[in-house]
Amino acid sequence: MKKLLYFLIPVALWSCEDVIDFSVGEPGSSQLVVDAMLTNEDTLQVVQLSLSQPYFSSSGFVPATKAQVFVFSEDSTQYIFQETSPGKYVYDPKVKGRLNEIGKRYALYVNYRGEEYAALSALRRVPRIDSVTYSFIEFPFAVNDSTPRTGYVAQFYAFDPIGLGDTYWVRSARNGRYRNAPNQITLAYDAGFSPGSQSDGLLFIQPIRQSINDGLYQEGDRIRVDLHAIPNETWFFLSLVRQESGNGGLFAVPSSNIPTNLVNLNSQSKEKALGFFSMSTVSRFETVVRKEEARPTP
């Protein structure tokens, strides 16, 4: 009986395999891709336009040039984004001021090859980062030759304001270099990870506070923490980006385009856009790691 069972198991597994044919895009077909993550800061605001590529294409970034890109505020003020390099459209806040009306909605308008696309987003309140602290730590063994055994573990402190539904994107940089990999996206819903966490109005939980670490910091490193207050729809979009980036292994599901908030103003047109438009309000804190200012090791 055991021999028969051992024989049937591989046969059963083999019989579950089916060949599936699916379309991954015709050569030459492409869609407009919009990367428009704008903030209320006084730095240059950038909208990046490109064209999608077939799934198996090895082509690099293909810019979408000669487009018209505007942002409108609720009072109909128009902010013009000029193309400064292929596919890169820039607005300088020195022209008409910052996009910083908290609680107000903004509209993105893109005209590309005769097709008009639009999306809405809003600026949300953001709490102040009170501090960034760090403690010295020493591992009993080295993970690999390039990873230091000793260094500092940092965390930031901030309180979520009272009122359900505040959503955030936590970004951090070591010596000016941001953690930008999709699997390094840190999101917060109120002071926790997700809706229903009952963390409204509290100090951000420790895993979120310590998400700013990318290995151990060393003495003299500059730590920068940016807390972005983002709309709920941006929180869901970034959650899907992070989820799709880790979609692999035994339980992977078929890849698919992540939903966008961009719509074609011509409802009869077959042309669609990919990407996302979002506004965010930013709170920032910077510090330099110094041995004498480190907190005692927990």
Protein backbone atom coordinates (compact mmCIF):
# COMPACT_ATOMS: atom_id res chain seq x y z
CA MET A 1 0.00 0.00 0.00
CA LYS A 2 2.82 2.42 0.86
CA LYS A 3 4.49 1.80 -2.52
CA LEU A 4 1.21 2.50 -4.31
CA LEU A 5 0.76 5.73 -2.32
CA TYR A 6 4.25 6.94 -3.20
CA PHE A 7 3.48 6.30 -6.85
CA LEU A 8 0.13 8.13 -6.84
CA ILE A 9 1.41 11.35 -5.18
CA PRO A 10 3.76 12.45 -8.04
CA VAL A 11 1.15 11.38 -10.60
CA ALA A 12 -1.47 13.55 -8.89
CA LEU A 13 0.88 16.53 -8.75
CA TRP A 14 1.87 16.11 -12.40
CA SER A 15 -1.77 15.88 -13.51
CA CYS A 16 -2.50 19.33 -11.98
CA GLU A 17 -0.21 21.07 -14.46
CA ASP A 18 -2.02 22.93 -17.26
CA VAL A 19 -0.57 25.07 -20.03
CA ILE A 20 -2.07 28.55 -19.98
CA ASP A 21 -1.68 30.98 -22.88
CA PHE A 22 -2.09 34.64 -22.08
CA SER A 23 -1.40 37.96 -23.78
CA VAL A 24 1.39 40.13 -22.40
CA GLY A 25 1.02 43.01 -24.81
CA GLU A 26 1.58 43.34 -28.51
CA PRO A 27 4.94 44.69 -29.70
CA GLY A 28 4.66 48.44 -30.05
CA SER A 29 1.60 48.80 -27.83
CA SER A 30 2.05 51.08 -24.82
CA GLN A 31 0.17 53.14 -22.29
CA LEU A 32 0.96 56.44 -20.66
CA VAL A 33 2.48 55.98 -17.19
CA VAL A 34 2.17 58.90 -14.76
CA ASP A 35 4.37 59.21 -11.66
CA ALA A 36 3.08 62.28 -9.81
CA MET A 37 3.81 62.11 -6.07
CA LEU A 38 3.78 65.80 -5.13
CA THR A 39 4.29 67.46 -1.74
CA ASN A 40 3.66 70.78 0.00
CA GLU A 41 7.38 71.52 0.21
CA ASP A 42 9.24 74.44 -1.36
CA THR A 43 11.45 72.14 -3.46
CA LEU A 44 10.93 71.47 -7.18
CA GLN A 45 7.81 69.37 -7.81
CA VAL A 46 8.18 66.72 -10.51
CA VAL A 47 5.73 64.75 -12.65
CA GLN A 48 7.39 61.93 -14.59
CA LEU A 49 5.70 60.68 -17.78
CA SER A 50 6.75 57.51 -19.55
CA LEU A 51 5.39 54.76 -21.78
CA SER A 52 4.73 51.20 -20.64
CA GLN A 53 6.59 48.35 -22.29
CA PRO A 54 5.58 44.77 -23.19
CA TYR A 55 6.05 42.30 -20.32
CA PHE A 56 9.13 40.60 -21.77
CA SER A 57 10.69 43.75 -23.20
CA SER A 58 14.24 44.58 -22.12
CA SER A 59 13.89 48.24 -23.06
CA GLY A 60 14.63 50.82 -20.42
CA PHE A 61 12.74 53.97 -19.49
CA VAL A 62 10.87 55.43 -22.48
CA PRO A 63 9.89 59.06 -21.79
CA ALA A 64 6.57 60.54 -22.88
CA THR A 65 7.54 63.92 -24.33
CA LYS A 66 5.77 67.07 -25.49
CA ALA A 67 2.84 66.71 -23.09
CA GLN A 68 0.94 69.45 -21.30
CA VAL A 69 0.94 69.04 -17.52
CA PHE A 70 -0.97 71.27 -15.10
CA VAL A 71 -2.13 71.14 -11.49
CA PHE A 72 -5.20 73.09 -10.40
CA SER A 73 -6.13 74.08 -6.86
CA GLU A 74 -9.72 74.37 -5.62
CA ASP A 75 -9.68 78.10 -6.32
CA SER A 76 -8.74 77.32 -9.95
CA THR A 77 -5.14 78.52 -9.61
CA GLN A 78 -3.14 76.88 -12.38
CA TYR A 79 0.37 75.56 -11.75
CA ILE A 80 2.23 74.84 -14.99
CA PHE A 81 4.77 72.01 -15.13
CA GLN A 82 7.48 72.60 -17.74
CA GLU A 83 9.34 69.77 -19.47
CA THR A 84 12.97 70.25 -18.42
CA SER A 85 14.23 66.93 -19.81
CA PRO A 86 12.53 64.13 -21.78
CA GLY A 87 9.53 62.96 -19.76
CA LYS A 88 10.34 65.13 -16.73
CA TYR A 89 7.88 67.95 -16.02
CA VAL A 90 8.77 70.40 -13.25
CA TYR A 91 7.03 73.13 -11.26
CA ASP A 92 9.09 75.61 -9.22
CA PRO A 93 7.20 76.79 -6.09
CA LYS A 94 8.96 80.15 -6.45
CA VAL A 95 6.66 80.91 -9.40
CA LYS A 96 3.24 80.81 -7.74
CA GLY A 97 4.05 79.46 -4.31
CA ARG A 98 3.83 76.06 -2.71
CA LEU A 99 1.00 73.58 -3.10
CA ASN A 100 0.21 73.72 0.60
CA GLU A 101 -3.50 74.28 1.22
CA ILE A 102 -4.17 71.68 3.92
CA GLY A 103 -7.57 70.03 3.58
CA LYS A 104 -7.99 71.21 -0.02
CA ARG A 105 -8.12 69.08 -3.16
CA TYR A 106 -5.85 69.42 -6.18
CA ALA A 107 -6.42 68.21 -9.73
CA LEU A 108 -3.75 66.92 -12.11
CA TYR A 109 -4.34 67.44 -15.83
CA VAL A 110 -2.23 65.77 -18.54
CA ASN A 111 -2.71 66.21 -22.27
CA TYR A 112 -0.69 63.68 -24.25
CA ARG A 113 -1.11 62.95 -27.95
CA GLY A 114 -4.56 64.50 -27.94
CA GLU A 115 -5.78 62.43 -24.98
CA GLU A 116 -6.72 64.25 -21.77
CA TYR A 117 -6.23 62.58 -18.39
CA ALA A 118 -7.11 63.87 -14.93
CA ALA A 119 -6.90 62.80 -11.27
CA LEU A 120 -7.76 64.27 -7.87
CA SER A 121 -5.89 64.25 -4.57
CA ALA A 122 -5.91 66.21 -1.31
CA LEU A 123 -3.47 67.51 1.28
CA ARG A 124 -3.91 65.96 4.75
CA ARG A 125 -2.73 67.09 8.16
CA VAL A 126 0.61 65.72 9.32
CA PRO A 127 1.95 65.40 12.88
CA ARG A 128 5.30 66.81 13.92
CA ILE A 129 8.19 64.40 14.44
CA ASP A 130 9.26 65.08 18.03
CA SER A 131 12.65 63.38 17.91
CA VAL A 132 14.89 60.66 16.49
CA THR A 133 16.85 58.60 19.00
CA TYR A 134 19.36 55.75 18.66
CA SER A 135 20.96 53.09 20.84
CA PHE A 136 24.20 51.15 20.45
CA ILE A 137 23.92 47.43 19.69
CA GLU A 138 26.41 44.62 19.14
CA PHE A 139 25.55 41.33 17.44
CA PRO A 140 27.26 38.19 18.76
CA PHE A 141 28.17 37.10 15.22
CA ALA A 142 28.51 38.66 11.75
CA VAL A 143 25.74 38.09 9.21
CA ASN A 144 28.22 38.42 6.35
CA ASP A 145 31.53 40.14 5.60
CA SER A 146 29.88 43.39 4.44
CA THR A 147 27.53 43.81 7.41
CA PRO A 148 28.97 45.45 10.55
CA ARG A 149 28.36 43.66 13.86
CA THR A 150 28.19 46.88 15.85
CA GLY A 151 26.32 50.11 15.32
CA TYR A 152 23.19 52.04 16.23
CA VAL A 153 19.49 51.23 15.92
CA ALA A 154 17.32 54.34 15.48
CA GLN A 155 13.66 55.19 15.88
CA PHE A 156 11.54 58.30 15.50
CA TYR A 157 8.81 59.58 17.81
CA ALA A 158 5.55 61.13 16.66
CA PHE A 159 1.90 60.99 17.72
CA ASP A 160 -1.00 60.38 15.38
CA PRO A 161 -3.56 63.21 15.81
CA ILE A 162 -6.97 62.31 17.22
CA GLY A 163 -9.46 61.32 14.52
CA LEU A 164 -9.78 58.02 12.69
CA GLY A 165 -8.42 57.43 9.20
CA ASP A 166 -5.09 59.31 9.02
CA THR A 167 -2.70 57.49 6.71
CA TYR A 168 1.05 57.89 6.34
CA TRP A 169 4.10 56.91 4.32
CA VAL A 170 7.35 56.79 6.33
CA ARG A 171 10.53 57.41 4.38
CA SER A 172 14.10 57.53 5.68
CA ALA A 173 17.54 58.30 4.31
CA ARG A 174 21.08 57.55 5.45
CA ASN A 175 23.54 60.28 4.41
CA GLY A 176 21.10 61.57 1.80
CA ARG A 177 20.33 58.19 0.25
CA TYR A 178 16.69 57.12 0.62
CA ARG A 179 15.44 53.58 1.08
CA ASN A 180 13.49 53.36 -2.19
CA ALA A 181 12.98 49.66 -2.85
CA PRO A 182 9.28 48.68 -3.11
CA ASN A 183 9.69 46.12 -0.31
CA GLN A 184 10.99 48.92 1.94
CA ILE A 185 7.76 50.91 1.78
CA THR A 186 6.55 51.60 5.32
CA LEU A 187 2.90 52.60 5.72
CA ALA A 188 0.83 53.49 8.77
CA TYR A 189 -2.91 53.71 9.32
CA ASP A 190 -3.36 56.03 12.29
CA ALA A 191 -0.53 54.92 14.63
CA GLY A 192 -0.67 51.26 13.57
CA PHE A 193 -0.36 49.18 10.43
CA SER A 194 -3.95 48.85 9.26
CA PRO A 195 -7.58 49.90 9.74
CA GLY A 196 -9.09 48.43 12.88
CA SER A 197 -5.82 48.52 14.83
CA GLN A 198 -7.40 50.86 17.42
CA SER A 199 -4.31 53.08 17.42
CA ASP A 200 -5.96 56.46 16.80
CA GLY A 201 -4.31 59.38 18.59
CA LEU A 202 -1.42 57.28 19.95
CA LEU A 203 2.34 57.17 19.60
CA PHE A 204 3.30 55.30 16.42
CA ILE A 205 3.92 51.65 17.29
CA GLN A 206 7.52 50.50 17.65
CA PRO A 207 7.82 48.52 14.37
CA ILE A 208 6.84 51.67 12.47
CA ARG A 209 9.14 53.88 14.55
CA GLN A 210 12.06 51.51 13.89
CA SER A 211 11.32 51.03 10.19
CA ILE A 212 13.83 53.80 9.44
CA ASN A 213 16.73 51.37 9.90
CA ASP A 214 18.51 49.86 6.91
CA GLY A 215 21.20 47.91 8.67
CA LEU A 216 23.06 49.51 11.57
CA TYR A 217 23.88 53.21 11.56
CA GLN A 218 27.46 54.23 12.31
CA GLU A 219 28.82 57.22 14.20
CA GLY A 220 28.72 60.29 11.96
CA ASP A 221 25.86 59.00 9.79
CA ARG A 222 23.09 61.52 9.07
CA ILE A 223 19.60 60.17 9.62
CA ARG A 224 16.69 61.81 7.85
CA VAL A 225 13.07 60.86 8.49
CA ASP A 226 10.19 62.10 6.32
CA LEU A 227 6.64 61.48 7.52
CA HIS A 228 4.21 61.92 4.61
CA ALA A 229 0.53 62.38 5.38
CA ILE A 230 -1.18 60.79 2.40
CA PRO A 231 -4.80 60.28 1.28
CA ASN A 232 -6.37 56.88 1.99
CA GLU A 233 -6.37 55.99 -1.70
CA THR A 234 -2.59 56.57 -1.85
CA TRP A 235 -2.16 54.29 1.17
CA PHE A 236 -4.02 51.52 -0.67
CA PHE A 237 -2.04 52.14 -3.88
CA LEU A 238 1.33 51.90 -2.10
CA SER A 239 0.12 48.83 -0.21
CA LEU A 240 -0.53 47.13 -3.56
CA VAL A 241 2.87 48.25 -4.91
CA ARG A 242 4.58 46.66 -1.91
CA GLN A 243 2.47 43.53 -2.18
CA GLU A 244 3.11 43.13 -5.91
CA SER A 245 6.87 43.60 -5.43
CA GLY A 246 6.92 40.60 -3.10
CA ASN A 247 4.65 38.48 -5.27
CA GLY A 248 6.75 35.40 -5.85
CA GLY A 249 7.47 31.90 -4.67
CA LEU A 250 5.18 28.93 -4.28
CA PHE A 251 2.03 30.93 -3.54
CA ALA A 252 2.52 33.71 -6.09
CA VAL A 253 -0.54 34.95 -7.97
CA PRO A 254 -0.61 36.17 -11.60
CA SER A 255 0.82 39.67 -11.96
CA SER A 256 -1.55 42.49 -12.86
CA ASN A 257 -1.55 46.25 -13.26
CA ILE A 258 -2.13 48.15 -10.03
CA PRO A 259 -5.30 50.30 -10.15
CA THR A 260 -4.84 53.97 -10.98
CA ASN A 261 -6.74 57.12 -10.06
CA LEU A 262 -6.14 58.63 -13.51
CA VAL A 263 -9.13 58.77 -15.87
CA ASN A 264 -9.43 59.66 -19.53
CA LEU A 265 -11.75 62.67 -19.81
CA ASN A 266 -13.06 61.20 -23.06
CA SER A 267 -15.22 58.32 -21.87
CA GLN A 268 -15.40 56.98 -25.43
CA SER A 269 -11.64 56.67 -25.83
CA LYS A 270 -9.93 53.30 -25.54
CA GLU A 271 -6.68 54.90 -24.33
CA LYS A 272 -6.00 54.44 -20.60
CA ALA A 273 -3.24 55.66 -18.32
CA LEU A 274 -1.29 53.88 -15.60
CA GLY A 275 0.37 55.28 -12.50
CA PHE A 276 -0.88 57.54 -9.74
CA PHE A 277 -1.31 61.16 -8.67
CA SER A 278 -0.99 62.01 -4.98
CA MET A 279 -0.45 65.02 -2.77
CA SER A 280 1.26 64.71 0.61
CA THR A 281 2.12 66.96 3.52
CA VAL A 282 5.60 66.32 4.92
CA SER A 283 7.03 66.47 8.44
CA ARG A 284 10.81 66.02 8.64
CA PHE A 285 13.50 65.46 11.25
CA GLU A 286 17.27 65.13 10.78
CA THR A 287 20.04 64.21 13.16
CA VAL A 288 23.66 63.02 13.15
CA VAL A 289 24.64 59.89 15.07
CA ARG A 290 26.99 60.79 17.90
CA LYS A 291 28.25 58.34 20.51
CA GLU A 292 27.78 60.71 23.42
CA GLU A 293 24.13 61.29 22.51
CA ALA A 294 23.14 57.64 22.17
CA ARG A 295 20.52 56.26 24.55
CA PRO A 296 21.39 53.33 26.81
CA THR A 297 21.03 49.97 25.08
CA PRO A 298 17.67 48.40 25.99
